[in-house]
């Protein structure tokens, strides 16, 4: 999750908001706050990454596909107008925020937080992860995972030469 919206906090009367619904079930104590700030979080994942060739991209700074204007129009209508925007340093989060803004949701410049970036996958980063199984006719099955140093298309061509033609 690399893009989130932070609404500006508003002071609410916590005692009234909370105790009206549970007044008959809870006794107020000296620990019950009289007022509290409530913050709602709206998390928006970046648009799809389509240039990853099926590989695990994690912390690699790849662009995203922001061509689905209808999707961004829906987000622009539903997200709060007074939110504080925060993105990671990765271009796909900034592209997603810009697409939502272009669809009609005006907001101040997004703050950048590097810690919001997707995790680094170590030796799996940039590699194709393959989950597979094998077994026999008697019901024994084995599950395994492997990595491949190439794209999904290259892997499939290696297993199915001539586009699968015999």
C-alpha atoms as a PDB file:
ATOM      1  CA  UNK A   1       0.000   0.000   0.000  1.00  0.00           C
ATOM      2  CA  UNK A   2       1.757   3.085  -1.139  1.00  0.00           C
ATOM      3  CA  UNK A   3      -0.748   5.905  -1.259  1.00  0.00           C
ATOM      4  CA  UNK A   4      -2.988   7.052   1.537  1.00  0.00           C
ATOM      5  CA  UNK A   5      -5.213   9.976   2.333  1.00  0.00           C
ATOM      6  CA  UNK A   6      -5.195  11.591   5.745  1.00  0.00           C
ATOM      7  CA  UNK A   7      -8.237  13.716   6.563  1.00  0.00           C
ATOM      8  CA  UNK A   8      -7.672  16.750   8.675  1.00  0.00           C
ATOM      9  CA  UNK A   9      -8.555  15.785  12.273  1.00  0.00           C
ATOM     10  CA  UNK A  10     -11.693  17.267  13.763  1.00  0.00           C
ATOM     11  CA  UNK A  11     -12.428  17.497  17.459  1.00  0.00           C
ATOM     12  CA  UNK A  12     -15.446  15.446  18.470  1.00  0.00           C
ATOM     13  CA  UNK A  13     -17.152  15.079  21.809  1.00  0.00           C
ATOM     14  CA  UNK A  14     -16.061  11.499  22.462  1.00  0.00           C
ATOM     15  CA  UNK A  15     -18.106  11.180  25.646  1.00  0.00           C
ATOM     16  CA  UNK A  16     -21.351  12.062  23.878  1.00  0.00           C
ATOM     17  CA  UNK A  17     -20.538  10.132  20.713  1.00  0.00           C
ATOM     18  CA  UNK A  18     -19.489   7.023  22.600  1.00  0.00           C
ATOM     19  CA  UNK A  19     -21.631   7.020  25.704  1.00  0.00           C
ATOM     20  CA  UNK A  20     -24.992   7.629  24.012  1.00  0.00           C
ATOM     21  CA  UNK A  21     -24.833   4.166  22.461  1.00  0.00           C
ATOM     22  CA  UNK A  22     -23.405   2.358  25.481  1.00  0.00           C
ATOM     23  CA  UNK A  23     -24.764   4.444  28.338  1.00  0.00           C
ATOM     24  CA  UNK A  24     -26.662   1.521  29.829  1.00  0.00           C
ATOM     25  CA  UNK A  25     -23.769  -0.915  29.434  1.00  0.00           C
ATOM     26  CA  UNK A  26     -20.734   0.978  30.709  1.00  0.00           C
ATOM     27  CA  UNK A  27     -19.973   3.155  33.680  1.00  0.00           C
ATOM     28  CA  UNK A  28     -17.872   6.252  33.050  1.00  0.00           C
ATOM     29  CA  UNK A  29     -14.530   6.144  34.829  1.00  0.00           C
ATOM     30  CA  UNK A  30     -11.795   8.662  35.354  1.00  0.00           C
ATOM     31  CA  UNK A  31     -10.097   7.101  32.283  1.00  0.00           C
ATOM     32  CA  UNK A  32     -12.920   8.030  29.893  1.00  0.00           C
ATOM     33  CA  UNK A  33     -11.754  10.997  27.797  1.00  0.00           C
ATOM     34  CA  UNK A  34     -14.152  13.904  27.586  1.00  0.00           C
ATOM     35  CA  UNK A  35     -13.023  14.767  24.086  1.00  0.00           C
ATOM     36  CA  UNK A  36     -10.917  12.971  21.547  1.00  0.00           C
ATOM     37  CA  UNK A  37      -9.687  13.562  18.044  1.00  0.00           C
ATOM     38  CA  UNK A  38     -10.935  11.170  15.418  1.00  0.00           C
ATOM     39  CA  UNK A  39      -8.929  10.551  12.275  1.00  0.00           C
ATOM     40  CA  UNK A  40     -10.246   8.530   9.390  1.00  0.00           C
ATOM     41  CA  UNK A  41      -7.801   6.893   6.977  1.00  0.00           C
ATOM     42  CA  UNK A  42      -8.527   6.347   3.308  1.00  0.00           C
ATOM     43  CA  UNK A  43      -6.016   3.961   1.735  1.00  0.00           C
ATOM     44  CA  UNK A  44      -5.663   3.948  -2.049  1.00  0.00           C
ATOM     45  CA  UNK A  45      -3.397   1.414  -3.735  1.00  0.00           C
ATOM     46  CA  UNK A  46      -1.552   2.585  -6.808  1.00  0.00           C
ATOM     47  CA  UNK A  47      -2.907   1.808 -10.257  1.00  0.00           C
ATOM     48  CA  UNK A  48      -1.847  -1.507 -11.842  1.00  0.00           C
ATOM     49  CA  UNK A  49       1.760  -1.988 -12.871  1.00  0.00           C
ATOM     50  CA  UNK A  50       1.731  -3.607 -16.307  1.00  0.00           C
ATOM     51  CA  UNK A  51       5.407  -3.370 -17.332  1.00  0.00           C
ATOM     52  CA  UNK A  52       6.684  -5.809 -14.692  1.00  0.00           C
ATOM     53  CA  UNK A  53       6.657  -8.791 -17.108  1.00  0.00           C
ATOM     54  CA  UNK A  54       5.151 -10.913 -14.333  1.00  0.00           C
ATOM     55  CA  UNK A  55       8.089 -10.327 -11.995  1.00  0.00           C
ATOM     56  CA  UNK A  56       8.032  -9.292  -8.346  1.00  0.00           C
ATOM     57  CA  UNK A  57       8.685  -5.554  -8.492  1.00  0.00           C
ATOM     58  CA  UNK A  58       8.273  -4.454  -4.854  1.00  0.00           C
ATOM     59  CA  UNK A  59      10.673  -1.537  -4.379  1.00  0.00           C
ATOM     60  CA  UNK A  60      11.604  -1.192  -8.075  1.00  0.00           C
ATOM     61  CA  UNK A  61      10.346   2.168  -9.339  1.00  0.00           C
ATOM     62  CA  UNK A  62       8.073   1.122 -12.204  1.00  0.00           C
ATOM     63  CA  UNK A  63       5.313   3.245 -13.765  1.00  0.00           C
ATOM     64  CA  UNK A  64       1.656   2.295 -13.516  1.00  0.00           C
ATOM     65  CA  UNK A  65      -1.226   2.234 -15.974  1.00  0.00           C
ATOM     66  CA  UNK A  66      -3.517   5.210 -15.338  1.00  0.00           C
ATOM     67  CA  UNK A  67      -5.609   4.791 -18.486  1.00  0.00           C
ATOM     68  CA  UNK A  68      -8.832   3.756 -16.680  1.00  0.00           C
ATOM     69  CA  UNK A  69     -10.415   7.223 -16.488  1.00  0.00           C
ATOM     70  CA  UNK A  70     -13.740   5.838 -15.212  1.00  0.00           C
ATOM     71  CA  UNK A  71     -12.043   4.283 -12.183  1.00  0.00           C
ATOM     72  CA  UNK A  72     -10.321   7.541 -11.267  1.00  0.00           C
ATOM     73  CA  UNK A  73     -13.565   9.486 -11.747  1.00  0.00           C
ATOM     74  CA  UNK A  74     -15.273   7.231  -9.186  1.00  0.00           C
ATOM     75  CA  UNK A  75     -12.407   7.735  -6.735  1.00  0.00           C
ATOM     76  CA  UNK A  76     -12.473  11.488  -7.283  1.00  0.00           C
ATOM     77  CA  UNK A  77     -16.179  11.564  -6.369  1.00  0.00           C
ATOM     78  CA  UNK A  78     -15.888   9.302  -3.308  1.00  0.00           C
ATOM     79  CA  UNK A  79     -12.710  10.431  -1.579  1.00  0.00           C
ATOM     80  CA  UNK A  80     -12.925  13.237   0.984  1.00  0.00           C
ATOM     81  CA  UNK A  81     -12.296  16.760  -0.271  1.00  0.00           C
ATOM     82  CA  UNK A  82     -10.341  17.968   2.767  1.00  0.00           C
ATOM     83  CA  UNK A  83      -7.819  15.137   2.965  1.00  0.00           C
ATOM     84  CA  UNK A  84      -4.090  15.416   3.422  1.00  0.00           C
ATOM     85  CA  UNK A  85      -2.358  13.313   0.757  1.00  0.00           C
ATOM     86  CA  UNK A  86       0.770  11.262   1.383  1.00  0.00           C
ATOM     87  CA  UNK A  87       2.551   9.139  -1.243  1.00  0.00           C
ATOM     88  CA  UNK A  88       5.738   7.125  -1.280  1.00  0.00           C
ATOM     89  CA  UNK A  89       8.697   8.183  -3.408  1.00  0.00           C
ATOM     90  CA  UNK A  90       7.759   5.659  -6.117  1.00  0.00           C
ATOM     91  CA  UNK A  91       6.454   7.120  -9.372  1.00  0.00           C
ATOM     92  CA  UNK A  92       3.420   4.820  -9.504  1.00  0.00           C
ATOM     93  CA  UNK A  93       1.979   6.430  -6.352  1.00  0.00           C
ATOM     94  CA  UNK A  94       2.497   9.931  -7.701  1.00  0.00           C
ATOM     95  CA  UNK A  95       0.958   8.939 -11.062  1.00  0.00           C
ATOM     96  CA  UNK A  96      -2.090   7.500  -9.300  1.00  0.00           C
ATOM     97  CA  UNK A  97      -2.548  10.662  -7.207  1.00  0.00           C
ATOM     98  CA  UNK A  98      -2.192  12.822 -10.333  1.00  0.00           C
ATOM     99  CA  UNK A  99      -4.800  10.721 -12.170  1.00  0.00           C
ATOM    100  CA  UNK A 100      -7.277  11.139  -9.306  1.00  0.00           C
ATOM    101  CA  UNK A 101      -6.631  14.900  -9.300  1.00  0.00           C
ATOM    102  CA  UNK A 102      -7.096  15.049 -13.081  1.00  0.00           C
ATOM    103  CA  UNK A 103     -10.438  13.278 -12.616  1.00  0.00           C
ATOM    104  CA  UNK A 104     -11.710  16.162 -10.498  1.00  0.00           C
ATOM    105  CA  UNK A 105     -10.439  15.866  -6.913  1.00  0.00           C
ATOM    106  CA  UNK A 106      -8.433  18.970  -6.078  1.00  0.00           C
ATOM    107  CA  UNK A 107      -5.954  18.673  -3.221  1.00  0.00           C
ATOM    108  CA  UNK A 108      -2.756  20.271  -1.995  1.00  0.00           C
ATOM    109  CA  UNK A 109       0.539  18.769  -3.088  1.00  0.00           C
ATOM    110  CA  UNK A 110       1.060  15.320  -1.603  1.00  0.00           C
ATOM    111  CA  UNK A 111       3.648  14.866   1.101  1.00  0.00           C
ATOM    112  CA  UNK A 112       6.248  12.207   0.308  1.00  0.00           C
ATOM    113  CA  UNK A 113       7.004   9.440   2.803  1.00  0.00           C
ATOM    114  CA  UNK A 114       9.650   6.896   1.724  1.00  0.00           C
ATOM    115  CA  UNK A 115       8.522   4.476   4.424  1.00  0.00           C
ATOM    116  CA  UNK A 116       5.226   4.028   2.556  1.00  0.00           C
ATOM    117  CA  UNK A 117       7.013   2.282  -0.313  1.00  0.00           C
ATOM    118  CA  UNK A 118       6.358  -1.380  -0.873  1.00  0.00           C
ATOM    119  CA  UNK A 119       8.771  -3.702   0.827  1.00  0.00           C
ATOM    120  CA  UNK A 120      11.986  -4.846  -0.798  1.00  0.00           C
ATOM    121  CA  UNK A 121      11.827  -8.550  -1.609  1.00  0.00           C
ATOM    122  CA  UNK A 122      15.552  -9.189  -1.374  1.00  0.00           C
ATOM    123  CA  UNK A 123      16.821 -11.842  -3.767  1.00  0.00           C
ATOM    124  CA  UNK A 124      13.280 -12.282  -5.141  1.00  0.00           C
ATOM    125  CA  UNK A 125      13.174  -8.632  -6.256  1.00  0.00           C
ATOM    126  CA  UNK A 126      12.855  -8.348 -10.038  1.00  0.00           C
ATOM    127  CA  UNK A 127      12.515 -12.094 -10.498  1.00  0.00           C
ATOM    128  CA  UNK A 128       9.613 -14.242 -11.610  1.00  0.00           C
ATOM    129  CA  UNK A 129       8.113 -16.340  -8.802  1.00  0.00           C
ATOM    130  CA  UNK A 130       6.627 -19.639  -9.932  1.00  0.00           C
ATOM    131  CA  UNK A 131       4.380 -21.778  -7.740  1.00  0.00           C
ATOM    132  CA  UNK A 132       3.890 -25.278  -9.012  1.00  0.00           C
ATOM    133  CA  UNK A 133       2.801 -28.735  -7.944  1.00  0.00           C
ATOM    134  CA  UNK A 134       3.487 -32.282  -9.016  1.00  0.00           C
ATOM    135  CA  UNK A 135       2.226 -35.641  -7.890  1.00  0.00           C
ATOM    136  CA  UNK A 136       1.050 -39.062  -8.910  1.00  0.00           C
ATOM    137  CA  UNK A 137      -2.221 -40.775  -9.675  1.00  0.00           C
ATOM    138  CA  UNK A 138      -2.545 -42.109  -6.096  1.00  0.00           C
ATOM    139  CA  UNK A 139      -3.252 -38.688  -4.583  1.00  0.00           C
ATOM    140  CA  UNK A 140       0.244 -37.657  -3.507  1.00  0.00           C
ATOM    141  CA  UNK A 141       0.874 -34.045  -4.365  1.00  0.00           C
ATOM    142  CA  UNK A 142       3.829 -31.790  -3.683  1.00  0.00           C
ATOM    143  CA  UNK A 143       3.791 -28.010  -3.716  1.00  0.00           C
ATOM    144  CA  UNK A 144       6.869 -25.921  -4.413  1.00  0.00           C
ATOM    145  CA  UNK A 145       8.043 -22.460  -5.389  1.00  0.00           C
ATOM    146  CA  UNK A 146      10.910 -21.355  -7.592  1.00  0.00           C
ATOM    147  CA  UNK A 147      12.289 -18.158  -9.055  1.00  0.00           C
ATOM    148  CA  UNK A 148      13.232 -17.557 -12.677  1.00  0.00           C
ATOM    149  CA  UNK A 149      15.607 -14.880 -13.917  1.00  0.00           C
ATOM    150  CA  UNK A 150      13.500 -13.782 -16.844  1.00  0.00           C
ATOM    151  CA  UNK A 151      10.006 -12.696 -17.774  1.00  0.00           C
ATOM    152  CA  UNK A 152       6.896 -14.839 -17.668  1.00  0.00           C
ATOM    153  CA  UNK A 153       6.804 -14.802 -21.472  1.00  0.00           C
ATOM    154  CA  UNK A 154      10.383 -16.120 -21.640  1.00  0.00           C
ATOM    155  CA  UNK A 155       9.585 -18.849 -19.117  1.00  0.00           C
ATOM    156  CA  UNK A 156       6.492 -19.978 -21.011  1.00  0.00           C
ATOM    157  CA  UNK A 157       8.338 -19.956 -24.356  1.00  0.00           C
ATOM    158  CA  UNK A 158      10.960 -22.229 -22.782  1.00  0.00           C
ATOM    159  CA  UNK A 159       8.329 -24.747 -21.684  1.00  0.00           C
ATOM    160  CA  UNK A 160       6.025 -24.373 -24.691  1.00  0.00           C
ATOM    161  CA  UNK A 161       8.151 -23.715 -27.799  1.00  0.00           C
ATOM    162  CA  UNK A 162       6.341 -22.902 -31.044  1.00  0.00           C
ATOM    163  CA  UNK A 163       3.457 -21.378 -29.068  1.00  0.00           C
ATOM    164  CA  UNK A 164       2.486 -24.804 -27.750  1.00  0.00           C
ATOM    165  CA  UNK A 165       2.208 -26.322 -31.234  1.00  0.00           C
ATOM    166  CA  UNK A 166       3.281 -29.966 -31.494  1.00  0.00           C
END
